């Protein structure tokens, strides 16, 4: 797999997991916390995808 594909997979999975973490603790799916955690999860996904591509 090339690096772009791994990074996009990381963004998708990280954003999804980050968006669902606040839902586990009772927040709404479109709350500010969920959106912020989704962004943080996407950044972590970029980092993991980049590390896996090296």
N, C-alpha and C. Protein backbone atom coordinates (compact mmCIF):
# COMPACT_ATOMS: atom_id res chain seq x y z
N UNK A 1 0.83 -1.18 0.00
CA UNK A 1 0.00 0.00 0.00
C UNK A 1 0.88 1.24 0.00
N UNK A 2 0.42 2.25 -0.71
CA UNK A 2 1.22 3.46 -0.70
C UNK A 2 0.87 4.31 0.53
N UNK A 3 1.67 5.33 0.76
CA UNK A 3 1.52 6.11 1.98
C UNK A 3 0.21 6.90 2.01
N UNK A 4 -0.24 7.40 0.86
CA UNK A 4 -1.49 8.16 0.84
C UNK A 4 -2.67 7.31 1.29
N UNK A 5 -2.71 6.08 0.84
CA UNK A 5 -3.81 5.19 1.20
C UNK A 5 -3.81 4.91 2.70
N UNK A 6 -2.64 4.64 3.26
CA UNK A 6 -2.56 4.37 4.70
C UNK A 6 -2.95 5.59 5.52
N UNK A 7 -2.56 6.76 5.08
CA UNK A 7 -2.90 7.97 5.81
C UNK A 7 -4.41 8.22 5.76
N UNK A 8 -5.04 8.03 4.59
CA UNK A 8 -6.49 8.22 4.49
C UNK A 8 -7.25 7.20 5.31
N UNK A 9 -6.76 5.97 5.34
CA UNK A 9 -7.40 4.96 6.20
C UNK A 9 -7.28 5.36 7.66
N UNK A 10 -6.12 5.87 8.04
CA UNK A 10 -5.92 6.35 9.41
C UNK A 10 -6.84 7.51 9.75
N UNK A 11 -7.03 8.44 8.82
CA UNK A 11 -7.93 9.57 9.05
C UNK A 11 -9.36 9.07 9.25
N UNK A 12 -9.80 8.15 8.41
CA UNK A 12 -11.16 7.64 8.51
C UNK A 12 -11.40 6.90 9.82
N UNK A 13 -10.51 5.98 10.14
CA UNK A 13 -10.68 5.18 11.36
C UNK A 13 -10.50 6.04 12.60
N UNK A 14 -9.48 6.89 12.61
CA UNK A 14 -9.25 7.76 13.77
C UNK A 14 -10.38 8.73 14.00
N UNK A 15 -10.90 9.32 12.92
CA UNK A 15 -12.02 10.24 13.06
C UNK A 15 -13.28 9.57 13.54
N UNK A 16 -13.50 8.36 13.06
CA UNK A 16 -14.69 7.61 13.48
C UNK A 16 -14.61 7.25 14.96
N UNK A 17 -13.48 6.71 15.36
CA UNK A 17 -13.31 6.33 16.77
C UNK A 17 -13.35 7.56 17.67
N UNK A 18 -12.67 8.62 17.25
CA UNK A 18 -12.68 9.85 18.04
C UNK A 18 -14.06 10.46 18.17
N UNK A 19 -14.87 10.34 17.15
CA UNK A 19 -16.22 10.87 17.21
C UNK A 19 -17.15 10.06 18.08
N UNK A 20 -16.89 8.77 18.23
CA UNK A 20 -17.77 7.93 19.02
C UNK A 20 -17.39 7.86 20.50
N UNK A 21 -16.19 8.27 20.85
CA UNK A 21 -15.78 8.22 22.27
C UNK A 21 -16.69 9.07 23.16
N UNK A 22 -17.02 10.32 22.79
CA UNK A 22 -17.95 11.08 23.65
C UNK A 22 -19.35 10.47 23.72
N UNK A 23 -19.77 9.77 22.69
CA UNK A 23 -21.09 9.13 22.71
C UNK A 23 -21.13 8.05 23.79
N UNK A 24 -20.03 7.38 24.01
CA UNK A 24 -19.96 6.35 25.06
C UNK A 24 -20.23 6.97 26.43
N UNK A 25 -19.77 8.22 26.61
CA UNK A 25 -19.93 8.89 27.90
C UNK A 25 -21.19 9.74 27.98
N UNK A 26 -22.08 9.62 27.00
CA UNK A 26 -23.39 10.25 27.09
C UNK A 26 -23.55 11.54 26.32
N UNK A 27 -22.56 11.98 25.57
CA UNK A 27 -22.70 13.20 24.78
C UNK A 27 -23.46 12.91 23.49
N UNK A 28 -23.92 13.95 22.85
CA UNK A 28 -24.64 13.81 21.59
C UNK A 28 -23.65 13.58 20.45
N UNK A 29 -24.11 12.96 19.37
CA UNK A 29 -23.24 12.66 18.24
C UNK A 29 -22.74 13.88 17.50
N UNK A 30 -23.48 14.99 17.56
CA UNK A 30 -23.06 16.22 16.89
C UNK A 30 -22.71 17.31 17.89
N UNK A 31 -22.30 16.92 19.08
CA UNK A 31 -21.91 17.90 20.08
C UNK A 31 -20.52 18.46 19.76
N UNK A 32 -20.20 19.56 20.39
CA UNK A 32 -18.89 20.19 20.20
C UNK A 32 -17.78 19.24 20.62
N UNK A 33 -17.98 18.51 21.71
CA UNK A 33 -16.98 17.56 22.18
C UNK A 33 -16.74 16.45 21.17
N UNK A 34 -17.79 15.96 20.57
CA UNK A 34 -17.66 14.91 19.58
C UNK A 34 -16.90 15.38 18.34
N UNK A 35 -17.17 16.61 17.93
CA UNK A 35 -16.48 17.15 16.75
C UNK A 35 -15.00 17.37 17.06
N UNK A 36 -14.69 17.89 18.24
CA UNK A 36 -13.29 18.11 18.63
C UNK A 36 -12.55 16.77 18.73
N UNK A 37 -13.17 15.79 19.36
CA UNK A 37 -12.53 14.47 19.49
C UNK A 37 -12.36 13.80 18.14
N UNK A 38 -13.28 14.02 17.22
CA UNK A 38 -13.14 13.48 15.88
C UNK A 38 -11.93 14.10 15.17
N UNK A 39 -11.74 15.40 15.35
CA UNK A 39 -10.57 16.06 14.78
C UNK A 39 -9.27 15.55 15.38
N UNK A 40 -9.26 15.37 16.69
CA UNK A 40 -8.07 14.82 17.36
C UNK A 40 -7.81 13.40 16.88
N UNK A 41 -8.86 12.60 16.76
CA UNK A 41 -8.71 11.23 16.27
C UNK A 41 -8.18 11.19 14.85
N UNK A 42 -8.61 12.14 14.03
CA UNK A 42 -8.10 12.21 12.65
C UNK A 42 -6.62 12.55 12.63
N UNK A 43 -6.20 13.47 13.49
CA UNK A 43 -4.78 13.81 13.56
C UNK A 43 -3.94 12.62 14.03
N UNK A 44 -4.46 11.90 15.00
CA UNK A 44 -3.76 10.68 15.45
C UNK A 44 -3.72 9.66 14.32
N UNK A 45 -4.81 9.55 13.57
CA UNK A 45 -4.85 8.64 12.43
C UNK A 45 -3.84 9.00 11.35
N UNK A 46 -3.66 10.30 11.11
CA UNK A 46 -2.63 10.74 10.15
C UNK A 46 -1.26 10.31 10.63
N UNK A 47 -1.00 10.51 11.91
CA UNK A 47 0.30 10.15 12.47
C UNK A 47 0.55 8.64 12.39
N UNK A 48 -0.47 7.85 12.74
CA UNK A 48 -0.32 6.39 12.68
C UNK A 48 -0.15 5.93 11.23
N UNK A 49 -0.93 6.48 10.32
CA UNK A 49 -0.79 6.11 8.91
C UNK A 49 0.57 6.46 8.36
N UNK A 50 1.09 7.62 8.77
CA UNK A 50 2.44 8.03 8.33
C UNK A 50 3.50 7.08 8.88
N UNK A 51 3.39 6.72 10.15
CA UNK A 51 4.37 5.81 10.76
C UNK A 51 4.31 4.42 10.12
N UNK A 52 3.11 3.95 9.78
CA UNK A 52 2.98 2.64 9.16
C UNK A 52 3.53 2.64 7.73
N UNK A 53 3.51 3.78 7.08
CA UNK A 53 3.98 3.83 5.69
C UNK A 53 5.50 3.90 5.58
N UNK A 54 6.17 4.16 6.67
CA UNK A 54 7.63 4.24 6.62
C UNK A 54 8.28 2.89 6.70
